Amino acid sequence: MFTVKPVSNSRQEILIEAVQGLGETLVSGQVRGDRYVVGQRWGRN
């Protein structure tokens, strides 16, 4: 999970990449994970 979206450098979005099982296959580039981009709320009005 990245708390800052790496490509756009946006602090308003969180990028989550997920795979079934251990994350090593994602990190090593053996598989492509499911990608979720989630808007981030800071609790400010």
Protein backbone atom coordinates (compact mmCIF):
# COMPACT_ATOMS: atom_id res chain seq x y z
CA MET A 1 0.00 0.00 0.00
CA PHE A 2 1.27 3.43 -0.92
CA THR A 3 -0.02 6.37 1.12
CA VAL A 4 0.98 8.69 -1.74
CA LYS A 5 0.05 7.62 -5.27
CA PRO A 6 3.50 7.04 -6.85
CA VAL A 7 2.79 8.14 -10.43
CA SER A 8 0.90 11.37 -9.75
CA ASN A 9 2.42 12.06 -6.30
CA SER A 10 -1.14 12.71 -5.08
CA ARG A 11 -1.67 12.73 -1.33
CA GLN A 12 -5.45 12.64 -1.90
CA GLU A 13 -5.39 9.01 -3.07
CA ILE A 14 -4.10 5.76 -1.62
CA LEU A 15 -2.89 3.05 -4.02
CA ILE A 16 -3.39 -0.55 -2.90
CA GLU A 17 -2.07 -3.50 -4.93
CA ALA A 18 -3.13 -6.93 -3.69
CA VAL A 19 -2.46 -10.57 -4.54
CA GLN A 20 -3.64 -13.80 -3.03
CA GLY A 21 -1.05 -15.39 -0.77
CA LEU A 22 2.34 -13.87 -0.05
CA GLY A 23 3.19 -10.44 -1.40
CA GLU A 24 6.62 -11.59 -2.60
CA THR A 25 5.24 -12.58 -6.01
CA LEU A 26 3.95 -9.03 -6.50
CA VAL A 27 7.15 -7.39 -5.30
CA SER A 28 9.33 -9.62 -7.51
CA GLY A 29 7.18 -8.90 -10.57
CA GLN A 30 6.09 -12.53 -11.06
CA VAL A 31 2.39 -11.56 -11.00
CA ARG A 32 0.31 -8.42 -11.46
CA GLY A 33 -1.91 -7.63 -8.53
CA ASP A 34 -5.39 -6.24 -8.30
CA ARG A 35 -5.12 -2.45 -8.10
CA TYR A 36 -7.39 -0.24 -6.01
CA VAL A 37 -7.21 3.54 -5.86
CA VAL A 38 -9.03 4.91 -2.85
CA GLY A 39 -9.77 8.55 -2.10
CA GLN A 40 -8.30 9.65 1.20
CA ARG A 41 -10.18 11.73 3.78
CA TRP A 42 -8.21 13.62 6.37
CA GLY A 43 -11.06 14.29 8.80
CA ARG A 44 -11.13 18.01 8.12
CA ASN A 45 -14.29 19.95 7.33
